[in-house]
Structure formats: structure tokens, C-alpha cells
Amino acid sequence: MLTVFGSTALDTIRTPDKILKDVLGGAATFAGISASFFVETGLIAVVGTDFPKKYHNILKKYLDLEGLAIHKGKTFRYDGSYDKTLSTRTTNKTELNVLGSFQPVVPEKYRKSQFVYLANNDPDQNTKIIREFDNVKFSMCDTIEFWINSKRNSVIKMIGSVDAVVINDEEAKLLTKEHNLIKCAKKMMGWGAKYVIIKKGEHGSLLFFDDVIFPSVAFSLEDIVDPTGAGDSFAGAMIGYLASKNSTSLSEIKKAVVYGNVMGSFAVEKYGLDGLTSTTKAKIQNRIKKYQSMIDF
């Protein structure tokens, strides 16, 4: 079993062509649903009493919800706007609400999870909760600008407590105070992460391990409508694939990164979670084959 810990949110997303208001989102939501195509996935998150039943039903379809808490108050909300190129997102508002005071508890059935993903969330909580699992074989975390700016030292400590960190290029530079991505990765590995995966959006990703650098291109798409959750879908697929193989060999981690790129491509094709929830295992495998033919020479 894989356990995903992080935020489940009500998002307001503003793109040049469409505005989505209070739609189901959150880092753990995207990551968990993406991972669920590969392995049974448990979710640890919190929502408020305002959380719509229809969204609870969507989560229930894909995830084990024993770790989902419902607290009195409002669900975590995020409001963001994309520019006309969809490459730059501006945060308009972040309301932690019930997430701000959440003290997560790992259900007994989750404690034996050998694979754990800490989605972008309070780094102090992430560092604390990873200790509650009995025998973690592979753990991975993500972080965002909000936590880097407000709790940089805690983010560094969190990176030292996991096997791998997934982070986008701009946030890697912000966190490490370096401008070269190789130097960024080396600094994070110096903090304790064994693997560093730097996401570069439409330009794919870079996997770093010791002296190995494994670049992988993004799956080429003509139409992208909403990049929200692409990075979380990438990370969820990556660790979900590894959990399904019960392996942490470098060759499987490289394949996991490719699956991450492919699942990210599904996420950006439609608005909100629709790209993930409308895909199937058969569609995923078909896109993997196309990806292989795309890079073969």
C-alpha cells in the first residue's frame, strides 16, 4: 500500500479561457488519484464540514479514505490565476482554514505502508508524520514557494528525512539559492535526499542520483488547458509505479519518472481533475508506448 499525505482543497483556478470556482483540488488529491492507477492508495488529509458530498464520492472512488478527517470549519482553499501562456501562475489567495490546525493521525492499516509520499504541505508536519510509519522502503516529498519563503529551514530538514524530493525548477532555485539546476540538485542531496527530481513543466524533468543525470522529455501535447495539479500528478504516478513494482532500483526509478511525465500530460489536457478521472489504465499504457516511440532513435 502507498500512503499520500497532504492537502485536499477547494480550488478557484483562473485561466484565460475559463474560471473554475471551488473545484476539487489539492496536492494530495491529484497525487493520490494519479497513484491509484498503479497501486492501492490511502489518503491522509483534512477537509471542513463545507466539503461537498460529490467530491467525497470522487475521492472514495479512487482512494482509501480511512485517513481523511472532517473537521468543523472551512476546507483549505486556493485561488490562482494563469497568464495567457499558461506557464506562469499567480497566487491570489491561500486560506489554510482547517488545514492550519490539523494534527494528522496515521491509521493503523497505513502504518505498514512501505511507500509514502508527502505532498506539498507544512514541512514540520511532514517531518513528524514520516516517523509514524513502521518500515518505509521509499519516501518522497514535494514543496512549494509558500513553504520555502515561510519555513525554509524546516523544508531543508524535511528533505533530509526522505529518500527523494520532487520540486519544480524555479522553486529548486529559490530553495537552494543557486541558479544552475545541477548545483541545486547537489545541494539538496547534500541535505540528505538520495534522489532529486526537478520538474521543468513542458520541458520535462531531470532525475539526479549520485553522478547520474537522467533527463526525460515531457509528452508532447498540442492543447493544454489547465496545468493545475500536473506536478502532483507526476509525483503520484512516480511513487505509485514504484510501489506497484515494490522496487527502488535506479532502472525502475527512471521508468517511474517517465510514468510521471505521462500522467502529468493527462492532467493538463482538461480542467481540474477531469484529465485524470477520465483516463484509464489502457489509455496510460497506450501513451507510454507513444512516449517510447517519440524518444526512440
C-alpha atoms as a PDB file:
ATOM      1  CA  MET A   1       0.000   0.000   0.000  1.00  0.00           C
ATOM      2  CA  LEU A   2       1.024   3.589  -0.685  1.00  0.00           C
ATOM      3  CA  THR A   3       0.098   6.419   1.672  1.00  0.00           C
ATOM      4  CA  VAL A   4      -0.222  10.001   0.451  1.00  0.00           C
ATOM      5  CA  PHE A   5      -0.300  12.843   2.977  1.00  0.00           C
ATOM      6  CA  GLY A   6      -1.103  16.442   2.111  1.00  0.00           C
ATOM      7  CA  SER A   7      -3.860  18.841   1.165  1.00  0.00           C
ATOM      8  CA  THR A   8      -7.316  18.240  -0.195  1.00  0.00           C
ATOM      9  CA  ALA A   9      -8.695  21.585  -1.273  1.00  0.00           C
ATOM     10  CA  LEU A  10     -11.406  23.601  -2.920  1.00  0.00           C
ATOM     11  CA  ASP A  11      -9.629  25.452  -5.706  1.00  0.00           C
ATOM     12  CA  THR A  12     -10.517  28.529  -7.711  1.00  0.00           C
ATOM     13  CA  ILE A  13      -8.492  28.415 -10.914  1.00  0.00           C
ATOM     14  CA  ARG A  14      -8.483  31.291 -13.386  1.00  0.00           C
ATOM     15  CA  THR A  15      -7.253  30.549 -16.915  1.00  0.00           C
ATOM     16  CA  PRO A  16      -7.536  32.835 -19.957  1.00  0.00           C
ATOM     17  CA  ASP A  17     -10.451  30.774 -21.269  1.00  0.00           C
ATOM     18  CA  LYS A  18     -12.279  29.596 -18.160  1.00  0.00           C
ATOM     19  CA  ILE A  19     -12.697  30.203 -14.430  1.00  0.00           C
ATOM     20  CA  LEU A  20     -13.252  27.219 -12.131  1.00  0.00           C
ATOM     21  CA  LYS A  21     -14.647  28.076  -8.705  1.00  0.00           C
ATOM     22  CA  ASP A  22     -14.402  25.827  -5.629  1.00  0.00           C
ATOM     23  CA  VAL A  23     -13.493  22.701  -7.593  1.00  0.00           C
ATOM     24  CA  LEU A  24     -11.925  19.642  -6.005  1.00  0.00           C
ATOM     25  CA  GLY A  25      -8.149  20.012  -5.833  1.00  0.00           C
ATOM     26  CA  GLY A  26      -5.176  19.915  -3.504  1.00  0.00           C
ATOM     27  CA  ALA A  27      -1.736  18.360  -3.856  1.00  0.00           C
ATOM     28  CA  ALA A  28      -2.643  15.104  -2.119  1.00  0.00           C
ATOM     29  CA  THR A  29      -5.828  14.785  -4.182  1.00  0.00           C
ATOM     30  CA  PHE A  30      -4.023  14.972  -7.526  1.00  0.00           C
ATOM     31  CA  ALA A  31      -1.116  12.828  -6.332  1.00  0.00           C
ATOM     32  CA  GLY A  32      -3.333  10.206  -4.705  1.00  0.00           C
ATOM     33  CA  ILE A  33      -5.692   9.798  -7.663  1.00  0.00           C
ATOM     34  CA  SER A  34      -2.741   9.613 -10.066  1.00  0.00           C
ATOM     35  CA  ALA A  35      -1.056   6.961  -7.900  1.00  0.00           C
ATOM     36  CA  SER A  36      -4.269   4.950  -7.613  1.00  0.00           C
ATOM     37  CA  PHE A  37      -3.947   3.822 -11.239  1.00  0.00           C
ATOM     38  CA  PHE A  38      -0.918   1.780 -10.145  1.00  0.00           C
ATOM     39  CA  VAL A  39      -1.446   0.729  -6.517  1.00  0.00           C
ATOM     40  CA  GLU A  40      -3.920   0.859  -3.630  1.00  0.00           C
ATOM     41  CA  THR A  41      -3.524   4.321  -2.145  1.00  0.00           C
ATOM     42  CA  GLY A  42      -4.516   5.666   1.245  1.00  0.00           C
ATOM     43  CA  LEU A  43      -5.118   9.392   1.774  1.00  0.00           C
ATOM     44  CA  ILE A  44      -4.281  11.347   4.923  1.00  0.00           C
ATOM     45  CA  ALA A  45      -5.821  14.813   4.705  1.00  0.00           C
ATOM     46  CA  VAL A  46      -8.420  17.061   6.301  1.00  0.00           C
ATOM     47  CA  VAL A  47     -11.498  18.809   4.936  1.00  0.00           C
ATOM     48  CA  GLY A  48     -14.118  21.016   6.528  1.00  0.00           C
ATOM     49  CA  THR A  49     -17.813  20.477   7.062  1.00  0.00           C
ATOM     50  CA  ASP A  50     -18.407  22.513   3.901  1.00  0.00           C
ATOM     51  CA  PHE A  51     -16.760  19.824   1.743  1.00  0.00           C
ATOM     52  CA  PRO A  52     -19.295  18.738  -0.910  1.00  0.00           C
ATOM     53  CA  LYS A  53     -20.576  15.165  -0.833  1.00  0.00           C
ATOM     54  CA  LYS A  54     -19.999  14.834  -4.590  1.00  0.00           C
ATOM     55  CA  TYR A  55     -16.283  15.474  -4.074  1.00  0.00           C
ATOM     56  CA  HIS A  56     -16.155  12.970  -1.220  1.00  0.00           C
ATOM     57  CA  ASN A  57     -17.639  10.407  -3.608  1.00  0.00           C
ATOM     58  CA  ILE A  58     -14.936  11.140  -6.206  1.00  0.00           C
ATOM     59  CA  LEU A  59     -12.201  10.611  -3.622  1.00  0.00           C
ATOM     60  CA  LYS A  60     -13.871   7.412  -2.413  1.00  0.00           C
ATOM     61  CA  LYS A  61     -13.901   6.018  -5.947  1.00  0.00           C
ATOM     62  CA  TYR A  62     -10.099   6.149  -6.176  1.00  0.00           C
ATOM     63  CA  LEU A  63      -8.704   6.202  -2.642  1.00  0.00           C
ATOM     64  CA  ASP A  64      -8.892   4.571   0.763  1.00  0.00           C
ATOM     65  CA  LEU A  65     -10.263   7.342   2.981  1.00  0.00           C
ATOM     66  CA  GLU A  66      -9.644   5.989   6.457  1.00  0.00           C
ATOM     67  CA  GLY A  67      -7.096   8.766   6.911  1.00  0.00           C
ATOM     68  CA  LEU A  68      -9.406  11.573   5.722  1.00  0.00           C
ATOM     69  CA  ALA A  69     -10.536  13.719   8.650  1.00  0.00           C
ATOM     70  CA  ILE A  70     -13.576  16.011   8.591  1.00  0.00           C
ATOM     71  CA  HIS A  71     -13.253  18.949  10.977  1.00  0.00           C
ATOM     72  CA  LYS A  72     -15.701  21.684  11.831  1.00  0.00           C
ATOM     73  CA  GLY A  73     -14.967  24.733   9.705  1.00  0.00           C
ATOM     74  CA  LYS A  74     -13.982  25.527   6.138  1.00  0.00           C
ATOM     75  CA  THR A  75     -11.901  23.381   3.784  1.00  0.00           C
ATOM     76  CA  PHE A  76      -8.485  24.637   2.660  1.00  0.00           C
ATOM     77  CA  ARG A  77      -8.920  26.996  -0.292  1.00  0.00           C
ATOM     78  CA  TYR A  78      -6.533  28.098  -3.011  1.00  0.00           C
ATOM     79  CA  ASP A  79      -7.117  30.798  -5.646  1.00  0.00           C
ATOM     80  CA  GLY A  80      -4.676  31.141  -8.544  1.00  0.00           C
ATOM     81  CA  SER A  81      -4.509  32.771 -11.981  1.00  0.00           C
ATOM     82  CA  TYR A  82      -2.588  31.709 -15.096  1.00  0.00           C
ATOM     83  CA  ASP A  83      -1.204  34.090 -17.714  1.00  0.00           C
ATOM     84  CA  LYS A  84      -2.158  33.747 -21.372  1.00  0.00           C
ATOM     85  CA  THR A  85       0.695  31.301 -21.999  1.00  0.00           C
ATOM     86  CA  LEU A  86      -0.373  29.077 -19.059  1.00  0.00           C
ATOM     87  CA  SER A  87       3.276  28.998 -17.999  1.00  0.00           C
ATOM     88  CA  THR A  88       3.070  31.433 -15.079  1.00  0.00           C
ATOM     89  CA  ARG A  89       0.663  31.124 -12.173  1.00  0.00           C
ATOM     90  CA  THR A  90      -0.001  33.890  -9.676  1.00  0.00           C
ATOM     91  CA  THR A  91      -1.369  33.018  -6.245  1.00  0.00           C
ATOM     92  CA  ASN A  92      -4.254  35.336  -5.416  1.00  0.00           C
ATOM     93  CA  LYS A  93      -5.221  33.857  -2.075  1.00  0.00           C
ATOM     94  CA  THR A  94      -4.369  30.919   0.193  1.00  0.00           C
ATOM     95  CA  GLU A  95      -6.735  30.111   3.059  1.00  0.00           C
ATOM     96  CA  LEU A  96      -5.455  27.256   5.236  1.00  0.00           C
ATOM     97  CA  ASN A  97      -8.690  27.048   7.272  1.00  0.00           C
ATOM     98  CA  VAL A  98      -8.966  23.571   8.904  1.00  0.00           C
ATOM     99  CA  LEU A  99      -5.583  22.614   7.455  1.00  0.00           C
ATOM    100  CA  GLY A 100      -3.917  25.258   9.621  1.00  0.00           C
ATOM    101  CA  SER A 101      -4.673  23.446  12.889  1.00  0.00           C
ATOM    102  CA  PHE A 102      -4.711  19.877  11.555  1.00  0.00           C
ATOM    103  CA  GLN A 103      -2.846  17.297  13.637  1.00  0.00           C
ATOM    104  CA  PRO A 104      -2.700  14.251  11.356  1.00  0.00           C
ATOM    105  CA  VAL A 105      -3.036  10.721  12.667  1.00  0.00           C
ATOM    106  CA  VAL A 106      -1.769   7.739  10.685  1.00  0.00           C
ATOM    107  CA  PRO A 107      -4.411   4.982  10.708  1.00  0.00           C
ATOM    108  CA  GLU A 108      -3.156   1.610  11.906  1.00  0.00           C
ATOM    109  CA  LYS A 109      -3.668  -0.011   8.488  1.00  0.00           C
ATOM    110  CA  TYR A 110      -1.486   2.687   6.871  1.00  0.00           C
ATOM    111  CA  ARG A 111       1.446   2.304   9.263  1.00  0.00           C
ATOM    112  CA  LYS A 112       2.875  -0.637   7.356  1.00  0.00           C
ATOM    113  CA  SER A 113       2.977   1.306   4.071  1.00  0.00           C
ATOM    114  CA  GLN A 114       6.429   0.844   2.588  1.00  0.00           C
ATOM    115  CA  PHE A 115       5.956   3.755   0.201  1.00  0.00           C
ATOM    116  CA  VAL A 116       4.984   7.195   1.489  1.00  0.00           C
ATOM    117  CA  TYR A 117       4.507  10.437  -0.397  1.00  0.00           C
ATOM    118  CA  LEU A 118       4.473  13.748   1.469  1.00  0.00           C
ATOM    119  CA  ALA A 119       2.719  16.175  -0.867  1.00  0.00           C
ATOM    120  CA  ASN A 120       3.495  19.862  -0.573  1.00  0.00           C
ATOM    121  CA  ASN A 121       2.350  20.639   2.929  1.00  0.00           C
ATOM    122  CA  ASP A 122       3.693  22.095   6.183  1.00  0.00           C
ATOM    123  CA  PRO A 123       7.272  20.705   6.263  1.00  0.00           C
ATOM    124  CA  ASP A 124       7.193  20.351  10.051  1.00  0.00           C
ATOM    125  CA  GLN A 125       4.115  18.142   9.798  1.00  0.00           C
ATOM    126  CA  ASN A 126       5.725  16.126   7.008  1.00  0.00           C
ATOM    127  CA  THR A 127       8.904  15.527   9.012  1.00  0.00           C
ATOM    128  CA  LYS A 128       6.859  14.474  12.025  1.00  0.00           C
ATOM    129  CA  ILE A 129       4.430  12.149  10.254  1.00  0.00           C
ATOM    130  CA  ILE A 130       7.088  10.154   8.366  1.00  0.00           C
ATOM    131  CA  ARG A 131       8.295   8.834  11.744  1.00  0.00           C
ATOM    132  CA  GLU A 132       4.897   7.226  12.382  1.00  0.00           C
ATOM    133  CA  PHE A 133       5.348   4.571   9.703  1.00  0.00           C
ATOM    134  CA  ASP A 134       6.852   1.235  10.716  1.00  0.00           C
ATOM    135  CA  ASN A 135       9.039   0.221   7.779  1.00  0.00           C
ATOM    136  CA  VAL A 136       9.306   2.785   4.990  1.00  0.00           C
ATOM    137  CA  LYS A 137      11.147   1.484   1.940  1.00  0.00           C
ATOM    138  CA  PHE A 138      10.893   4.685  -0.109  1.00  0.00           C
ATOM    139  CA  SER A 139       9.654   8.130   0.849  1.00  0.00           C
ATOM    140  CA  MET A 140       9.313  11.211  -1.276  1.00  0.00           C
ATOM    141  CA  CYS A 141       8.323  14.835  -0.660  1.00  0.00           C
ATOM    142  CA  ASP A 142       7.430  17.961  -2.574  1.00  0.00           C
ATOM    143  CA  THR A 143       7.397  21.614  -1.554  1.00  0.00           C
ATOM    144  CA  ILE A 144       6.256  24.966  -2.904  1.00  0.00           C
ATOM    145  CA  GLU A 145       7.179  28.647  -2.749  1.00  0.00           C
ATOM    146  CA  PHE A 146       4.785  29.282   0.165  1.00  0.00           C
ATOM    147  CA  TRP A 147       6.701  26.930   2.483  1.00  0.00           C
ATOM    148  CA  ILE A 148      10.140  27.861   1.137  1.00  0.00           C
ATOM    149  CA  ASN A 149       9.500  31.514   1.948  1.00  0.00           C
ATOM    150  CA  SER A 150       7.908  30.908   5.345  1.00  0.00           C
ATOM    151  CA  LYS A 151       9.756  27.808   6.664  1.00  0.00           C
ATOM    152  CA  ARG A 152      12.950  27.352   4.652  1.00  0.00           C
ATOM    153  CA  ASN A 153      14.912  25.652   7.464  1.00  0.00           C
ATOM    154  CA  SER A 154      12.025  23.241   8.045  1.00  0.00           C
ATOM    155  CA  VAL A 155      11.930  22.411   4.331  1.00  0.00           C
ATOM    156  CA  ILE A 156      15.657  21.609   4.426  1.00  0.00           C
ATOM    157  CA  LYS A 157      15.107  19.370   7.468  1.00  0.00           C
ATOM    158  CA  MET A 158      12.216  17.614   5.692  1.00  0.00           C
ATOM    159  CA  ILE A 159      14.395  16.904   2.654  1.00  0.00           C
ATOM    160  CA  GLY A 160      16.892  15.234   4.971  1.00  0.00           C
ATOM    161  CA  SER A 161      14.190  12.906   6.302  1.00  0.00           C
ATOM    162  CA  VAL A 162      13.118  11.385   2.956  1.00  0.00           C
ATOM    163  CA  ASP A 163      14.700   9.376   0.148  1.00  0.00           C
ATOM    164  CA  ALA A 164      13.635  11.651  -2.699  1.00  0.00           C
ATOM    165  CA  VAL A 165      12.471  15.183  -3.320  1.00  0.00           C
ATOM    166  CA  VAL A 166      10.356  16.306  -6.264  1.00  0.00           C
ATOM    167  CA  ILE A 167      10.422  20.038  -6.906  1.00  0.00           C
ATOM    168  CA  ASN A 168       9.965  22.382  -9.848  1.00  0.00           C
ATOM    169  CA  ASP A 169      12.899  24.274 -11.300  1.00  0.00           C
ATOM    170  CA  GLU A 170      12.039  27.753 -10.026  1.00  0.00           C
ATOM    171  CA  GLU A 171      11.382  26.511  -6.508  1.00  0.00           C
ATOM    172  CA  ALA A 172      14.604  24.490  -6.566  1.00  0.00           C
ATOM    173  CA  LYS A 173      16.498  27.689  -7.334  1.00  0.00           C
ATOM    174  CA  LEU A 174      14.593  29.636  -4.677  1.00  0.00           C
ATOM    175  CA  LEU A 175      15.225  26.978  -2.019  1.00  0.00           C
ATOM    176  CA  THR A 176      18.909  26.352  -2.710  1.00  0.00           C
ATOM    177  CA  LYS A 177      19.814  29.926  -3.711  1.00  0.00           C
ATOM    178  CA  GLU A 178      21.557  28.510  -6.773  1.00  0.00           C
ATOM    179  CA  HIS A 179      20.909  29.294 -10.456  1.00  0.00           C
ATOM    180  CA  ASN A 180      22.220  26.092 -12.024  1.00  0.00           C
ATOM    181  CA  LEU A 181      19.951  23.047 -11.682  1.00  0.00           C
ATOM    182  CA  ILE A 182      22.864  20.636 -11.240  1.00  0.00           C
ATOM    183  CA  LYS A 183      24.104  22.734  -8.336  1.00  0.00           C
ATOM    184  CA  CYS A 184      20.550  22.857  -6.966  1.00  0.00           C
ATOM    185  CA  ALA A 185      20.329  19.059  -7.020  1.00  0.00           C
ATOM    186  CA  LYS A 186      23.764  18.571  -5.454  1.00  0.00           C
ATOM    187  CA  LYS A 187      22.862  20.920  -2.616  1.00  0.00           C
ATOM    188  CA  MET A 188      19.623  19.037  -1.908  1.00  0.00           C
ATOM    189  CA  MET A 189      21.467  15.711  -1.999  1.00  0.00           C
ATOM    190  CA  GLY A 190      23.903  17.259   0.450  1.00  0.00           C
ATOM    191  CA  TRP A 191      20.956  17.879   2.764  1.00  0.00           C
ATOM    192  CA  GLY A 192      20.179  14.162   2.750  1.00  0.00           C
ATOM    193  CA  ALA A 193      17.965  13.330  -0.229  1.00  0.00           C
ATOM    194  CA  LYS A 194      19.222  10.328  -2.185  1.00  0.00           C
ATOM    195  CA  TYR A 195      17.299  11.266  -5.333  1.00  0.00           C
ATOM    196  CA  VAL A 196      16.307  14.689  -6.612  1.00  0.00           C
ATOM    197  CA  ILE A 197      13.749  15.107  -9.384  1.00  0.00           C
ATOM    198  CA  ILE A 198      13.458  18.611 -10.786  1.00  0.00           C
ATOM    199  CA  LYS A 199      10.317  19.248 -12.817  1.00  0.00           C
ATOM    200  CA  LYS A 200      10.554  21.653 -15.734  1.00  0.00           C
ATOM    201  CA  GLY A 201       6.922  21.818 -16.873  1.00  0.00           C
ATOM    202  CA  GLU A 202       6.551  21.481 -20.627  1.00  0.00           C
ATOM    203  CA  HIS A 203      10.295  20.759 -20.833  1.00  0.00           C
ATOM    204  CA  GLY A 204      10.078  17.512 -18.854  1.00  0.00           C
ATOM    205  CA  SER A 205      12.220  16.670 -15.844  1.00  0.00           C
ATOM    206  CA  LEU A 206      15.697  15.858 -14.575  1.00  0.00           C
ATOM    207  CA  LEU A 207      16.463  12.957 -12.221  1.00  0.00           C
ATOM    208  CA  PHE A 208      19.653  13.208 -10.157  1.00  0.00           C
ATOM    209  CA  PHE A 209      21.275  10.314  -8.275  1.00  0.00           C
ATOM    210  CA  ASP A 210      24.947  10.371  -7.266  1.00  0.00           C
ATOM    211  CA  ASP A 211      26.676  11.361 -10.517  1.00  0.00           C
ATOM    212  CA  VAL A 212      23.769  10.179 -12.695  1.00  0.00           C
ATOM    213  CA  ILE A 213      21.628  12.737 -14.510  1.00  0.00           C
ATOM    214  CA  PHE A 214      18.596  11.282 -16.299  1.00  0.00           C
ATOM    215  CA  PRO A 215      16.703  13.810 -18.431  1.00  0.00           C
ATOM    216  CA  SER A 216      13.219  12.943 -19.653  1.00  0.00           C
ATOM    217  CA  VAL A 217      11.115  14.988 -22.027  1.00  0.00           C
ATOM    218  CA  ALA A 218       7.504  15.903 -21.418  1.00  0.00           C
ATOM    219  CA  PHE A 219       4.880  14.141 -23.510  1.00  0.00           C
ATOM    220  CA  SER A 220       4.223  16.487 -26.432  1.00  0.00           C
ATOM    221  CA  LEU A 221       0.736  17.987 -26.477  1.00  0.00           C
ATOM    222  CA  GLU A 222      -0.833  20.496 -28.830  1.00  0.00           C
ATOM    223  CA  ASP A 223      -3.602  21.591 -26.477  1.00  0.00           C
ATOM    224  CA  ILE A 224      -3.033  22.383 -22.792  1.00  0.00           C
ATOM    225  CA  VAL A 225      -5.925  23.961 -20.909  1.00  0.00           C
ATOM    226  CA  ASP A 226      -5.090  23.792 -17.179  1.00  0.00           C
ATOM    227  CA  PRO A 227      -1.653  22.999 -15.694  1.00  0.00           C
ATOM    228  CA  THR A 228      -3.049  22.767 -12.152  1.00  0.00           C
ATOM    229  CA  GLY A 229      -2.002  19.563 -10.443  1.00  0.00           C
ATOM    230  CA  ALA A 230       0.388  18.454 -13.192  1.00  0.00           C
ATOM    231  CA  GLY A 231       3.363  18.303 -10.836  1.00  0.00           C
ATOM    232  CA  ASP A 232       1.357  16.491  -8.168  1.00  0.00           C
ATOM    233  CA  SER A 233       0.077  14.009 -10.765  1.00  0.00           C
ATOM    234  CA  PHE A 234       3.694  13.484 -11.873  1.00  0.00           C
ATOM    235  CA  ALA A 235       4.827  12.716  -8.318  1.00  0.00           C
ATOM    236  CA  GLY A 236       1.850  10.494  -7.535  1.00  0.00           C
ATOM    237  CA  ALA A 237       2.379   8.410 -10.655  1.00  0.00           C
ATOM    238  CA  MET A 238       6.072   8.128  -9.952  1.00  0.00           C
ATOM    239  CA  ILE A 239       5.755   6.746  -6.444  1.00  0.00           C
ATOM    240  CA  GLY A 240       2.626   4.783  -7.354  1.00  0.00           C
ATOM    241  CA  TYR A 241       4.536   2.994 -10.104  1.00  0.00           C
ATOM    242  CA  LEU A 242       7.444   2.224  -7.739  1.00  0.00           C
ATOM    243  CA  ALA A 243       5.044   0.875  -5.109  1.00  0.00           C
ATOM    244  CA  SER A 244       3.378  -1.343  -7.717  1.00  0.00           C
ATOM    245  CA  LYS A 245       6.786  -2.816  -8.588  1.00  0.00           C
ATOM    246  CA  ASN A 246       7.903  -2.865  -4.918  1.00  0.00           C
ATOM    247  CA  SER A 247      11.273  -1.736  -6.192  1.00  0.00           C
ATOM    248  CA  THR A 248      13.626   1.199  -5.738  1.00  0.00           C
ATOM    249  CA  SER A 249      16.235   0.184  -8.312  1.00  0.00           C
ATOM    250  CA  LEU A 250      17.584   3.009 -10.444  1.00  0.00           C
ATOM    251  CA  SER A 251      16.158   1.452 -13.606  1.00  0.00           C
ATOM    252  CA  GLU A 252      12.648   1.352 -12.093  1.00  0.00           C
ATOM    253  CA  ILE A 253      13.005   4.910 -10.793  1.00  0.00           C
ATOM    254  CA  LYS A 254      13.844   6.030 -14.335  1.00  0.00           C
ATOM    255  CA  LYS A 255      10.713   4.266 -15.618  1.00  0.00           C
ATOM    256  CA  ALA A 256       8.733   5.853 -12.774  1.00  0.00           C
ATOM    257  CA  VAL A 257       9.809   9.309 -13.938  1.00  0.00           C
ATOM    258  CA  VAL A 258       8.528   8.502 -17.440  1.00  0.00           C
ATOM    259  CA  TYR A 259       5.180   7.420 -15.992  1.00  0.00           C
ATOM    260  CA  GLY A 260       5.168  10.681 -14.067  1.00  0.00           C
ATOM    261  CA  ASN A 261       5.590  12.674 -17.263  1.00  0.00           C
ATOM    262  CA  VAL A 262       2.785  10.736 -18.925  1.00  0.00           C
ATOM    263  CA  MET A 263       0.319  11.170 -16.047  1.00  0.00           C
ATOM    264  CA  GLY A 264       1.161  14.859 -15.914  1.00  0.00           C
ATOM    265  CA  SER A 265       0.188  15.082 -19.575  1.00  0.00           C
ATOM    266  CA  PHE A 266      -3.282  13.711 -18.817  1.00  0.00           C
ATOM    267  CA  ALA A 267      -3.729  16.243 -16.015  1.00  0.00           C
ATOM    268  CA  VAL A 268      -3.139  19.309 -18.203  1.00  0.00           C
ATOM    269  CA  GLU A 269      -5.424  18.265 -21.081  1.00  0.00           C
ATOM    270  CA  LYS A 270      -8.623  19.040 -19.181  1.00  0.00           C
ATOM    271  CA  TYR A 271      -9.774  21.342 -16.416  1.00  0.00           C
ATOM    272  CA  GLY A 272      -9.264  20.435 -12.769  1.00  0.00           C
ATOM    273  CA  LEU A 273      -9.223  16.703 -12.099  1.00  0.00           C
ATOM    274  CA  ASP A 274     -11.111  15.796 -15.281  1.00  0.00           C
ATOM    275  CA  GLY A 275      -7.932  14.806 -17.111  1.00  0.00           C
ATOM    276  CA  LEU A 276      -7.095  12.178 -14.503  1.00  0.00           C
ATOM    277  CA  THR A 277     -10.595  10.941 -13.768  1.00  0.00           C
ATOM    278  CA  SER A 278     -11.367  10.420 -17.454  1.00  0.00           C
ATOM    279  CA  THR A 279      -8.285   8.314 -18.180  1.00  0.00           C
ATOM    280  CA  THR A 280      -7.905   4.547 -17.894  1.00  0.00           C
ATOM    281  CA  LYS A 281      -5.069   2.088 -17.434  1.00  0.00           C
ATOM    282  CA  ALA A 282      -5.345   1.200 -21.127  1.00  0.00           C
ATOM    283  CA  LYS A 283      -5.002   4.864 -22.149  1.00  0.00           C
ATOM    284  CA  ILE A 284      -1.974   5.210 -19.871  1.00  0.00           C
ATOM    285  CA  GLN A 285      -0.223   2.220 -21.436  1.00  0.00           C
ATOM    286  CA  ASN A 286      -1.053   3.460 -24.923  1.00  0.00           C
ATOM    287  CA  ARG A 287       0.525   6.825 -24.127  1.00  0.00           C
ATOM    288  CA  ILE A 288       3.592   5.109 -22.645  1.00  0.00           C
ATOM    289  CA  LYS A 289       4.043   3.302 -25.971  1.00  0.00           C
ATOM    290  CA  LYS A 290       3.727   6.591 -27.842  1.00  0.00           C
ATOM    291  CA  TYR A 291       6.239   8.153 -25.483  1.00  0.00           C
ATOM    292  CA  GLN A 292       8.708   5.330 -26.167  1.00  0.00           C
ATOM    293  CA  SER A 293       8.329   5.759 -29.931  1.00  0.00           C
ATOM    294  CA  MET A 294       8.670   9.524 -29.535  1.00  0.00           C
ATOM    295  CA  ILE A 295      12.126   9.293 -27.919  1.00  0.00           C
ATOM    296  CA  ASP A 296      13.443   6.271 -29.836  1.00  0.00           C
ATOM    297  CA  PHE A 297      16.087   6.901 -32.497  1.00  0.00           C
END
